[in-house]
Amino acid sequence: MYVTVEDLVRTPQDAGRMRDHSDPAPSVPAVPDDGTVTRALVHRPAAAGKARSITRGVLADWRVDQAATESVLLVVSELVTNAVEHALPPVVLRLHWDRTGDRVWVGVTDGGPAQADGAWTSSCTREEHGRGLAVVEVLTSGHGTRMHPDGAATHWAVLNIHEQAA
């Protein structure tokens, strides 16, 4: 059973803690009334770009300002890239706008840790990768990982945002 967005956003003990460890259509989804968007991504390197495209469209619908949009896009890119490079399929992107607190919750659920890193990470020197979660730490008000009983993992982050002026 999966936890809800509300469980993840409102779990104080997880707020600052981090534990290491066919293309959907349309590319810019309609945003449901409840402020939550969920999209499956193909488990391959192009997933990060697809996730950014989906996220950019959703944030535009939510009228999120440009500075906050850029931060959310970077966090989405890092979490999806980590899922593709270090975890098993599937990869699922979830975005939730908490309008009462002006926060966006980003969640990327994967199939759990892979035994070997992906092709990009395996081909790089240590200096060329490994800073993504440090970037996430700087840009977010909280982030962490929730392990599910079936072995899947949700890597989540919460970002404070502002709406564009009308």
C-alpha atoms as a PDB file:
ATOM      1  CA  MET A   1       0.000   0.000   0.000  1.00  0.00           C
ATOM      2  CA  TYR A   2       1.303   3.454  -0.886  1.00  0.00           C
ATOM      3  CA  VAL A   3       1.307   6.429   1.423  1.00  0.00           C
ATOM      4  CA  THR A   4      -0.632   9.521   0.507  1.00  0.00           C
ATOM      5  CA  VAL A   5       0.838  12.868  -0.447  1.00  0.00           C
ATOM      6  CA  GLU A   6      -0.538  14.244   2.800  1.00  0.00           C
ATOM      7  CA  ASP A   7       1.339  11.596   4.819  1.00  0.00           C
ATOM      8  CA  LEU A   8       4.595  12.534   3.159  1.00  0.00           C
ATOM      9  CA  VAL A   9       4.146  16.284   3.357  1.00  0.00           C
ATOM     10  CA  ARG A  10       3.028  16.284   6.985  1.00  0.00           C
ATOM     11  CA  THR A  11       5.481  13.759   8.453  1.00  0.00           C
ATOM     12  CA  PRO A  12       7.750  15.965  10.580  1.00  0.00           C
ATOM     13  CA  GLN A  13      10.384  13.308  11.298  1.00  0.00           C
ATOM     14  CA  ASP A  14      11.040  12.957   7.548  1.00  0.00           C
ATOM     15  CA  ALA A  15      11.053  16.675   6.720  1.00  0.00           C
ATOM     16  CA  GLY A  16      14.819  17.152   6.810  1.00  0.00           C
ATOM     17  CA  ARG A  17      16.014  13.573   6.630  1.00  0.00           C
ATOM     18  CA  MET A  18      17.424  11.889   3.567  1.00  0.00           C
ATOM     19  CA  ARG A  19      18.349   8.220   3.137  1.00  0.00           C
ATOM     20  CA  ASP A  20      20.836   7.264   0.426  1.00  0.00           C
ATOM     21  CA  HIS A  21      20.376   4.544  -1.529  1.00  0.00           C
ATOM     22  CA  SER A  22       5.375   3.723 -23.721  1.00  0.00           C
ATOM     23  CA  ASP A  23       5.702   7.637 -23.151  1.00  0.00           C
ATOM     24  CA  PRO A  24       2.639   9.042 -21.466  1.00  0.00           C
ATOM     25  CA  ALA A  25       0.318  11.346 -23.338  1.00  0.00           C
ATOM     26  CA  PRO A  26      -0.333  14.161 -23.345  1.00  0.00           C
ATOM     27  CA  SER A  27       3.054  15.698 -22.563  1.00  0.00           C
ATOM     28  CA  VAL A  28       1.390  18.594 -20.748  1.00  0.00           C
ATOM     29  CA  PRO A  29      -1.414  17.001 -18.737  1.00  0.00           C
ATOM     30  CA  ALA A  30      -4.585  18.645 -17.637  1.00  0.00           C
ATOM     31  CA  VAL A  31      -4.385  19.413 -13.938  1.00  0.00           C
ATOM     32  CA  PRO A  32      -7.131  17.797 -11.866  1.00  0.00           C
ATOM     33  CA  ASP A  33      -9.141  19.869  -9.416  1.00  0.00           C
ATOM     34  CA  ASP A  34      -7.434  18.290  -6.391  1.00  0.00           C
ATOM     35  CA  GLY A  35      -4.030  19.774  -7.326  1.00  0.00           C
ATOM     36  CA  THR A  36      -2.303  16.424  -7.896  1.00  0.00           C
ATOM     37  CA  VAL A  37      -0.759  15.138 -11.123  1.00  0.00           C
ATOM     38  CA  THR A  38       0.597  11.598 -11.516  1.00  0.00           C
ATOM     39  CA  ARG A  39       2.389  10.412 -14.659  1.00  0.00           C
ATOM     40  CA  ALA A  40       4.266   7.200 -15.421  1.00  0.00           C
ATOM     41  CA  LEU A  41       7.595   7.676 -17.190  1.00  0.00           C
ATOM     42  CA  VAL A  42       9.600   5.272 -19.289  1.00  0.00           C
ATOM     43  CA  HIS A  43      12.664   4.025 -17.366  1.00  0.00           C
ATOM     44  CA  ARG A  44      15.357   5.488 -19.629  1.00  0.00           C
ATOM     45  CA  PRO A  45      17.545   8.617 -19.673  1.00  0.00           C
ATOM     46  CA  ALA A  46      14.994  10.609 -21.690  1.00  0.00           C
ATOM     47  CA  ALA A  47      12.610  10.365 -18.710  1.00  0.00           C
ATOM     48  CA  ALA A  48      14.194  13.399 -17.037  1.00  0.00           C
ATOM     49  CA  GLY A  49      13.421  15.607 -20.048  1.00  0.00           C
ATOM     50  CA  LYS A  50       9.882  14.240 -20.278  1.00  0.00           C
ATOM     51  CA  ALA A  51       9.377  14.888 -16.547  1.00  0.00           C
ATOM     52  CA  ARG A  52      10.606  18.477 -16.944  1.00  0.00           C
ATOM     53  CA  SER A  53       8.194  19.024 -19.839  1.00  0.00           C
ATOM     54  CA  ILE A  54       5.251  17.669 -17.857  1.00  0.00           C
ATOM     55  CA  THR A  55       6.246  19.689 -14.787  1.00  0.00           C
ATOM     56  CA  ARG A  56       6.716  22.928 -16.744  1.00  0.00           C
ATOM     57  CA  GLY A  57       3.173  22.624 -18.140  1.00  0.00           C
ATOM     58  CA  VAL A  58       1.655  21.831 -14.765  1.00  0.00           C
ATOM     59  CA  LEU A  59       3.444  24.712 -13.041  1.00  0.00           C
ATOM     60  CA  ALA A  60       2.305  27.086 -15.792  1.00  0.00           C
ATOM     61  CA  ASP A  61      -1.297  25.942 -15.185  1.00  0.00           C
ATOM     62  CA  TRP A  62      -0.765  26.535 -11.473  1.00  0.00           C
ATOM     63  CA  ARG A  63       0.684  30.003 -12.263  1.00  0.00           C
ATOM     64  CA  VAL A  64       3.882  29.332 -10.324  1.00  0.00           C
ATOM     65  CA  ASP A  65       6.431  32.152 -10.691  1.00  0.00           C
ATOM     66  CA  GLN A  66       9.528  31.688 -12.870  1.00  0.00           C
ATOM     67  CA  ALA A  67      12.100  31.438 -10.059  1.00  0.00           C
ATOM     68  CA  ALA A  68      10.133  28.754  -8.239  1.00  0.00           C
ATOM     69  CA  THR A  69       9.478  26.941 -11.526  1.00  0.00           C
ATOM     70  CA  GLU A  70      13.205  26.722 -12.239  1.00  0.00           C
ATOM     71  CA  SER A  71      13.849  25.269  -8.771  1.00  0.00           C
ATOM     72  CA  VAL A  72      11.058  22.697  -9.109  1.00  0.00           C
ATOM     73  CA  LEU A  73      12.310  21.696 -12.568  1.00  0.00           C
ATOM     74  CA  LEU A  74      15.820  21.130 -11.255  1.00  0.00           C
ATOM     75  CA  VAL A  75      14.558  19.012  -8.352  1.00  0.00           C
ATOM     76  CA  VAL A  76      12.340  16.952 -10.677  1.00  0.00           C
ATOM     77  CA  SER A  77      15.259  16.419 -13.026  1.00  0.00           C
ATOM     78  CA  GLU A  78      17.573  15.262 -10.233  1.00  0.00           C
ATOM     79  CA  LEU A  79      15.040  12.870  -8.675  1.00  0.00           C
ATOM     80  CA  VAL A  80      14.033  11.312 -12.001  1.00  0.00           C
ATOM     81  CA  THR A  81      17.661  10.994 -13.127  1.00  0.00           C
ATOM     82  CA  ASN A  82      18.496   9.211  -9.869  1.00  0.00           C
ATOM     83  CA  ALA A  83      15.548   6.839 -10.370  1.00  0.00           C
ATOM     84  CA  VAL A  84      16.721   5.952 -13.873  1.00  0.00           C
ATOM     85  CA  GLU A  85      20.393   5.636 -12.931  1.00  0.00           C
ATOM     86  CA  HIS A  86      20.148   3.880  -9.568  1.00  0.00           C
ATOM     87  CA  ALA A  87      16.783   2.119  -9.341  1.00  0.00           C
ATOM     88  CA  LEU A  88      14.553  -0.430 -11.008  1.00  0.00           C
ATOM     89  CA  PRO A  89      11.467   0.447 -13.060  1.00  0.00           C
ATOM     90  CA  PRO A  90       8.830   1.726 -12.951  1.00  0.00           C
ATOM     91  CA  VAL A  91       9.316   5.482 -12.598  1.00  0.00           C
ATOM     92  CA  VAL A  92       6.286   7.552 -11.578  1.00  0.00           C
ATOM     93  CA  LEU A  93       6.258  11.332 -11.175  1.00  0.00           C
ATOM     94  CA  ARG A  94       3.784  12.929  -8.762  1.00  0.00           C
ATOM     95  CA  LEU A  95       3.271  16.647  -8.281  1.00  0.00           C
ATOM     96  CA  HIS A  96       0.993  18.109  -5.649  1.00  0.00           C
ATOM     97  CA  TRP A  97       0.250  21.760  -4.991  1.00  0.00           C
ATOM     98  CA  ASP A  98      -0.620  22.556  -1.392  1.00  0.00           C
ATOM     99  CA  ARG A  99      -2.402  25.827  -2.061  1.00  0.00           C
ATOM    100  CA  THR A 100      -2.876  26.577   1.639  1.00  0.00           C
ATOM    101  CA  GLY A 101       0.849  26.579   2.291  1.00  0.00           C
ATOM    102  CA  ASP A 102       2.142  27.696  -1.116  1.00  0.00           C
ATOM    103  CA  ARG A 103       4.179  24.520  -1.447  1.00  0.00           C
ATOM    104  CA  VAL A 104       4.750  22.031  -4.220  1.00  0.00           C
ATOM    105  CA  TRP A 105       5.395  18.410  -3.273  1.00  0.00           C
ATOM    106  CA  VAL A 106       7.433  16.416  -5.807  1.00  0.00           C
ATOM    107  CA  GLY A 107       7.543  12.646  -5.554  1.00  0.00           C
ATOM    108  CA  VAL A 108       9.348  10.160  -7.771  1.00  0.00           C
ATOM    109  CA  THR A 109       8.514   6.536  -7.096  1.00  0.00           C
ATOM    110  CA  ASP A 110      10.779   3.819  -8.467  1.00  0.00           C
ATOM    111  CA  GLY A 111      10.969   0.051  -8.191  1.00  0.00           C
ATOM    112  CA  GLY A 112      13.660   0.121  -5.520  1.00  0.00           C
ATOM    113  CA  PRO A 113      17.458   0.021  -5.698  1.00  0.00           C
ATOM    114  CA  ALA A 114      19.063  -1.599  -8.740  1.00  0.00           C
ATOM    115  CA  GLN A 115      22.029  -3.933  -8.286  1.00  0.00           C
ATOM    116  CA  ALA A 116      24.124  -1.866 -10.709  1.00  0.00           C
ATOM    117  CA  ASP A 117      24.166   1.790 -11.683  1.00  0.00           C
ATOM    118  CA  GLY A 118      22.886   2.921 -15.057  1.00  0.00           C
ATOM    119  CA  ALA A 119      25.055   3.392 -18.125  1.00  0.00           C
ATOM    120  CA  TRP A 120      25.729   7.108 -17.589  1.00  0.00           C
ATOM    121  CA  THR A 121      26.811   6.791 -13.961  1.00  0.00           C
ATOM    122  CA  SER A 122      28.910   3.719 -14.726  1.00  0.00           C
ATOM    123  CA  SER A 123      30.770   5.589 -17.475  1.00  0.00           C
ATOM    124  CA  CYS A 124      31.626   8.652 -15.344  1.00  0.00           C
ATOM    125  CA  THR A 125      34.381   9.400 -12.918  1.00  0.00           C
ATOM    126  CA  ARG A 126      33.328  10.095  -9.345  1.00  0.00           C
ATOM    127  CA  GLU A 127      33.892  13.836  -9.858  1.00  0.00           C
ATOM    128  CA  GLU A 128      31.335  13.920 -12.703  1.00  0.00           C
ATOM    129  CA  HIS A 129      28.307  12.865 -10.674  1.00  0.00           C
ATOM    130  CA  GLY A 130      26.965  12.524  -7.160  1.00  0.00           C
ATOM    131  CA  ARG A 131      25.905  16.073  -6.355  1.00  0.00           C
ATOM    132  CA  GLY A 132      22.203  15.832  -7.245  1.00  0.00           C
ATOM    133  CA  LEU A 133      20.877  15.275  -3.749  1.00  0.00           C
ATOM    134  CA  ALA A 134      23.032  18.124  -2.439  1.00  0.00           C
ATOM    135  CA  VAL A 135      21.304  20.368  -4.996  1.00  0.00           C
ATOM    136  CA  VAL A 136      17.918  19.041  -3.846  1.00  0.00           C
ATOM    137  CA  GLU A 137      18.884  19.808  -0.233  1.00  0.00           C
ATOM    138  CA  VAL A 138      19.647  23.444  -1.057  1.00  0.00           C
ATOM    139  CA  LEU A 139      16.481  24.064  -3.099  1.00  0.00           C
ATOM    140  CA  THR A 140      13.897  22.417  -0.854  1.00  0.00           C
ATOM    141  CA  SER A 141      12.344  22.981   2.537  1.00  0.00           C
ATOM    142  CA  GLY A 142      12.408  19.218   3.120  1.00  0.00           C
ATOM    143  CA  HIS A 143      13.129  15.976   1.313  1.00  0.00           C
ATOM    144  CA  GLY A 144      13.528  12.307   2.001  1.00  0.00           C
ATOM    145  CA  THR A 145      12.798   8.755   0.977  1.00  0.00           C
ATOM    146  CA  ARG A 146       9.869   6.572   1.929  1.00  0.00           C
ATOM    147  CA  MET A 147      10.324   2.830   1.407  1.00  0.00           C
ATOM    148  CA  HIS A 148       7.205   0.835   0.529  1.00  0.00           C
ATOM    149  CA  PRO A 149       6.516  -2.746   1.678  1.00  0.00           C
ATOM    150  CA  ASP A 150       6.804  -4.027  -1.902  1.00  0.00           C
ATOM    151  CA  GLY A 151      10.396  -2.726  -2.228  1.00  0.00           C
ATOM    152  CA  ALA A 152       9.485   0.406  -4.174  1.00  0.00           C
ATOM    153  CA  ALA A 153      10.749   3.773  -2.949  1.00  0.00           C
ATOM    154  CA  THR A 154       9.339   7.289  -3.164  1.00  0.00           C
ATOM    155  CA  HIS A 155      11.940  10.048  -3.158  1.00  0.00           C
ATOM    156  CA  TRP A 156      10.160  13.275  -2.299  1.00  0.00           C
ATOM    157  CA  ALA A 157      10.839  16.970  -1.862  1.00  0.00           C
ATOM    158  CA  VAL A 158       8.811  19.989  -0.783  1.00  0.00           C
ATOM    159  CA  LEU A 159       9.461  23.418  -2.270  1.00  0.00           C
ATOM    160  CA  ASN A 160       7.984  26.760  -1.243  1.00  0.00           C
ATOM    161  CA  ILE A 161       6.503  28.552  -4.240  1.00  0.00           C
ATOM    162  CA  HIS A 162       4.744  31.770  -5.166  1.00  0.00           C
ATOM    163  CA  GLU A 163       2.045  32.422  -7.725  1.00  0.00           C
ATOM    164  CA  GLN A 164       2.659  34.915 -10.497  1.00  0.00           C
ATOM    165  CA  ALA A 165       0.961  38.248 -10.059  1.00  0.00           C
ATOM    166  CA  ALA A 166      -2.234  38.479 -12.106  1.00  0.00           C
END
